[in-house]
Amino acid sequence: MKYEIKYKPSYALLVVNLDQGETITAESGAMTYMDPTIEVHTRKREKSLLGSLGLSIIGGQSFWVNDYTAASGSGEVSFVAAPVGDIEQLEVKPGQGYVIQKSAYIASTQGIDLDVKWEGFTKGLFGQGLFMIKATGNGQLFINTFGAIDTHKLETGQTLIVDNFHLVGFSDSCSYKVTRFGGLKETLLSGEGLVTQITGPGEVHIQTKNLREFVEWLWTLLEPRVRSRAR
């Protein structure tokens, strides 16, 4: 499968060229355009209804995904994420997977399994809206971010502390621990809240912008108008 990521890093667009018979799976609503040779089949993200509902309600992802197949000849299809930001390709191999933010998933090739019920969720990798999905298998995984992607390669035993709202994902070879930022005073007053302490070996992917902070900044502009109209 051939692909190109255009307009990096601010307004990234994923363009995929499929040979006849090839398929790519994408998040519902991510498609921007496609050739008429492409057939679309919508399916539940999980085989079980409970799994789909669990991802939709707890993880915030859509209930459905779309499979795009070049059925009557080769064709082109493109995808874009809702946030203004970057798209990156990650190579998933047997024994070399990734743990990614729920909102980071945009598309994947056949052979990638997205597990929403892995033990990491029960071990505490959540909080402040943080919910992670484990991607395993063999193929290509495409992730999106709010802002640009900042990648760190950690050696064995090397640790990085990442704000939860900036964390996009990390290699499943890494270990992690969710903690408060400093003591109680720092957690309440620093504006940081919870952080994830990630220890290598592996990669850590961080987004340069914070969606929560952007929404709060936007509200400072909108709130006076909303209040004036409510009077």
Protein backbone atom coordinates (compact mmCIF):
# COMPACT_ATOMS: atom_id res chain seq x y z
CA MET A 1 0.00 0.00 0.00
CA LYS A 2 1.35 3.41 -1.01
CA TYR A 3 0.57 6.52 0.99
CA GLU A 4 1.56 10.17 1.36
CA ILE A 5 1.07 12.57 4.25
CA LYS A 6 0.58 16.08 2.87
CA TYR A 7 0.63 19.52 4.51
CA LYS A 8 2.58 18.51 7.64
CA PRO A 9 2.59 19.42 10.46
CA SER A 10 -0.32 21.83 10.89
CA TYR A 11 -2.98 20.60 8.46
CA ALA A 12 -1.91 17.04 7.71
CA LEU A 13 -3.84 15.00 5.15
CA LEU A 14 -3.32 11.24 4.68
CA VAL A 15 -3.61 10.14 1.02
CA VAL A 16 -3.66 6.37 0.41
CA ASN A 17 -3.27 4.67 -2.98
CA LEU A 18 -4.77 1.19 -2.98
CA ASP A 19 -4.11 -1.51 -5.54
CA GLN A 20 -7.10 -3.58 -6.54
CA GLY A 21 -8.12 -5.79 -3.62
CA GLU A 22 -6.26 -3.77 -0.97
CA THR A 23 -8.15 -2.45 2.08
CA ILE A 24 -7.53 0.20 4.70
CA THR A 25 -9.63 0.74 7.84
CA ALA A 26 -10.34 4.24 9.10
CA GLU A 27 -12.14 6.03 11.89
CA SER A 28 -15.74 6.85 11.03
CA GLY A 29 -16.00 10.36 9.57
CA ALA A 30 -12.29 10.66 8.69
CA MET A 31 -12.66 10.32 4.91
CA THR A 32 -12.30 13.50 2.81
CA TYR A 33 -12.48 12.12 -0.76
CA MET A 34 -12.12 8.86 -2.68
CA ASP A 35 -12.14 7.47 -6.22
CA PRO A 36 -15.28 5.69 -7.47
CA THR A 37 -13.30 2.43 -7.64
CA ILE A 38 -13.32 2.35 -3.83
CA GLU A 39 -16.05 0.41 -2.01
CA VAL A 40 -16.90 1.27 1.59
CA HIS A 41 -18.16 -1.22 4.17
CA THR A 42 -19.15 0.00 7.61
CA ARG A 43 -18.79 -2.37 10.55
CA LYS A 44 -18.69 -2.40 14.32
CA ARG A 45 -15.26 -1.67 15.70
CA GLU A 46 -15.40 -4.73 17.95
CA LYS A 47 -16.80 -8.15 17.12
CA SER A 48 -19.02 -8.02 20.17
CA LEU A 49 -21.68 -5.39 20.80
CA LEU A 50 -20.39 -4.96 24.36
CA GLY A 51 -16.90 -4.20 23.10
CA SER A 52 -18.20 -1.59 20.66
CA LEU A 53 -20.33 0.08 23.30
CA GLY A 54 -17.44 0.02 25.75
CA LEU A 55 -15.16 1.83 23.31
CA SER A 56 -17.86 4.30 22.33
CA ILE A 57 -18.93 5.22 25.85
CA ILE A 58 -15.69 4.89 27.80
CA GLY A 59 -13.17 5.61 25.08
CA GLY A 60 -15.08 8.29 23.23
CA GLN A 61 -14.38 6.79 19.82
CA SER A 62 -17.16 6.23 17.31
CA PHE A 63 -19.19 3.03 17.39
CA TRP A 64 -18.30 2.22 13.77
CA VAL A 65 -15.25 2.03 11.52
CA ASN A 66 -15.14 1.98 7.72
CA ASP A 67 -13.23 -0.47 5.51
CA TYR A 68 -12.19 1.08 2.19
CA THR A 69 -11.42 -1.50 -0.51
CA ALA A 70 -10.21 -0.94 -4.07
CA ALA A 71 -12.83 -3.22 -5.61
CA SER A 72 -13.08 -2.39 -9.33
CA GLY A 73 -9.50 -1.23 -9.85
CA SER A 74 -6.83 0.78 -8.08
CA GLY A 75 -7.95 3.95 -6.38
CA GLU A 76 -7.15 6.79 -4.02
CA VAL A 77 -8.76 7.68 -0.70
CA SER A 78 -7.77 10.37 1.79
CA PHE A 79 -8.36 10.94 5.49
CA VAL A 80 -8.05 13.84 7.89
CA ALA A 81 -8.43 14.21 11.65
CA ALA A 82 -10.73 16.64 13.42
CA PRO A 83 -8.02 18.53 15.37
CA VAL A 84 -5.66 20.88 13.55
CA GLY A 85 -2.39 18.98 13.63
CA ASP A 86 -0.08 16.29 12.33
CA ILE A 87 -0.42 12.70 11.09
CA GLU A 88 2.31 10.11 11.61
CA GLN A 89 2.78 6.53 10.43
CA LEU A 90 3.90 3.85 12.91
CA GLU A 91 5.12 0.42 11.87
CA VAL A 92 3.49 -2.30 13.98
CA LYS A 93 5.23 -5.69 14.02
CA PRO A 94 4.75 -8.92 15.98
CA GLY A 95 6.03 -8.18 19.48
CA GLN A 96 6.38 -4.48 18.67
CA GLY A 97 3.07 -2.71 19.23
CA TYR A 98 1.95 0.67 20.54
CA VAL A 99 -0.35 2.08 23.19
CA ILE A 100 -2.13 5.15 21.80
CA GLN A 101 -4.62 7.76 22.96
CA LYS A 102 -8.23 7.01 22.03
CA SER A 103 -8.43 10.16 19.91
CA ALA A 104 -5.11 9.54 18.14
CA TYR A 105 -6.35 6.71 15.92
CA ILE A 106 -7.13 7.69 12.33
CA ALA A 107 -6.49 4.59 10.17
CA SER A 108 -4.71 1.24 9.94
CA THR A 109 -3.95 -1.49 7.44
CA GLN A 110 -5.33 -4.99 7.65
CA GLY A 111 -3.63 -7.07 10.31
CA ILE A 112 -3.71 -4.39 13.03
CA ASP A 113 -5.72 -5.27 16.12
CA LEU A 114 -6.99 -2.46 18.37
CA ASP A 115 -7.55 -3.85 21.85
CA VAL A 116 -9.69 -1.72 24.15
CA LYS A 117 -9.80 -4.33 26.89
CA TRP A 118 -6.07 -4.79 27.54
CA GLU A 119 -4.89 -4.97 31.13
CA GLY A 120 -3.29 -1.52 31.02
CA PHE A 121 -6.68 0.13 31.37
CA THR A 122 -7.44 -1.74 34.58
CA LYS A 123 -3.94 -0.95 35.85
CA GLY A 124 -4.69 2.75 35.94
CA LEU A 125 -3.74 4.35 32.62
CA PHE A 126 -6.63 6.78 32.67
CA GLY A 127 -7.68 10.05 34.24
CA GLN A 128 -8.41 13.54 32.95
CA GLY A 129 -10.08 11.95 29.94
CA LEU A 130 -7.06 9.73 29.21
CA PHE A 131 -8.00 6.37 27.75
CA MET A 132 -5.55 4.26 25.78
CA ILE A 133 -5.89 1.58 23.11
CA LYS A 134 -3.28 -1.10 22.46
CA ALA A 135 -2.40 -1.66 18.79
CA THR A 136 -0.74 -4.99 17.93
CA GLY A 137 -0.32 -7.21 14.90
CA ASN A 138 1.53 -6.56 11.67
CA GLY A 139 1.00 -3.51 9.47
CA GLN A 140 0.84 0.26 9.43
CA LEU A 141 -0.89 2.43 12.01
CA PHE A 142 -1.67 6.09 11.34
CA ILE A 143 -2.10 8.45 14.28
CA ASN A 144 -3.11 12.11 14.46
CA THR A 145 -2.31 14.79 16.99
CA PHE A 146 -3.33 18.28 18.04
CA GLY A 147 -0.31 20.28 16.92
CA ALA A 148 2.94 18.67 15.80
CA ILE A 149 4.29 15.28 16.90
CA ASP A 150 7.36 15.30 19.14
CA THR A 151 9.01 11.85 19.30
CA HIS A 152 11.40 10.71 22.03
CA LYS A 153 13.38 7.45 21.88
CA LEU A 154 14.03 6.10 25.37
CA GLU A 155 16.86 3.74 26.21
CA THR A 156 16.39 0.92 28.72
CA GLY A 157 15.74 2.47 32.12
CA GLN A 158 15.40 6.02 30.75
CA THR A 159 12.28 7.80 32.01
CA LEU A 160 10.17 10.66 30.68
CA ILE A 161 7.31 12.38 32.53
CA VAL A 162 4.52 13.52 30.19
CA ASP A 163 1.41 15.59 30.84
CA ASN A 164 -1.62 13.40 30.15
CA PHE A 165 -3.16 15.88 27.73
CA HIS A 166 0.04 15.95 25.66
CA LEU A 167 0.56 12.17 25.61
CA VAL A 168 -0.27 10.57 22.24
CA GLY A 169 1.22 7.11 22.67
CA PHE A 170 4.24 4.95 23.37
CA SER A 171 5.76 1.59 22.48
CA ASP A 172 4.22 -1.33 24.36
CA SER A 173 7.75 -2.29 25.39
CA CYS A 174 7.71 0.69 27.77
CA SER A 175 6.49 0.52 31.35
CA TYR A 176 4.38 3.33 32.77
CA LYS A 177 2.92 4.78 35.93
CA VAL A 178 0.27 7.50 36.29
CA THR A 179 1.04 9.93 39.10
CA ARG A 180 0.10 13.36 40.39
CA PHE A 181 2.21 16.31 39.32
CA GLY A 182 4.36 16.90 42.40
CA GLY A 183 2.49 17.09 45.70
CA LEU A 184 -1.11 18.03 46.35
CA LYS A 185 -0.34 21.76 46.07
CA GLU A 186 1.29 21.33 42.66
CA THR A 187 -1.55 19.11 41.46
CA LEU A 188 -4.17 21.69 42.43
CA LEU A 189 -2.36 24.92 41.54
CA SER A 190 0.20 24.15 38.82
CA GLY A 191 -2.34 23.51 36.08
CA GLU A 192 -0.72 20.15 35.30
CA GLY A 193 -2.88 17.63 37.20
CA LEU A 194 -2.00 14.01 36.39
CA VAL A 195 1.12 12.96 34.49
CA THR A 196 2.34 9.64 33.10
CA GLN A 197 5.83 8.44 33.95
CA ILE A 198 7.08 6.32 31.03
CA THR A 199 10.25 4.21 31.18
CA GLY A 200 12.04 2.73 28.16
CA PRO A 201 13.06 1.03 26.05
CA GLY A 202 10.81 2.37 23.31
CA GLU A 203 9.33 5.45 21.67
CA VAL A 204 7.13 8.12 23.23
CA HIS A 205 4.99 10.34 21.01
CA ILE A 206 3.86 13.72 22.35
CA GLN A 207 1.58 16.36 20.84
CA THR A 208 2.80 19.94 21.09
CA LYS A 209 -0.64 21.42 21.76
CA ASN A 210 -3.11 20.78 24.56
CA LEU A 211 -6.74 20.50 23.47
CA ARG A 212 -8.06 21.27 26.96
CA GLU A 213 -6.03 24.47 27.18
CA PHE A 214 -7.19 25.48 23.69
CA VAL A 215 -10.84 25.02 24.67
CA GLU A 216 -10.31 27.02 27.87
CA TRP A 217 -8.60 29.81 25.90
CA LEU A 218 -11.42 29.81 23.36
CA TRP A 219 -13.97 30.07 26.18
CA THR A 220 -12.28 33.22 27.50
CA LEU A 221 -13.12 34.83 24.14
CA LEU A 222 -16.64 33.44 23.88
CA GLU A 223 -17.79 33.78 27.50
CA PRO A 224 -18.30 37.60 27.46
CA ARG A 225 -20.49 37.32 24.34
CA VAL A 226 -22.46 34.42 25.76
CA ARG A 227 -23.07 36.28 29.01
CA SER A 228 -24.10 39.49 27.21
CA ARG A 229 -26.64 37.63 25.07
CA ALA A 230 -28.02 35.78 28.08
CA ARG A 231 -28.93 39.01 29.83
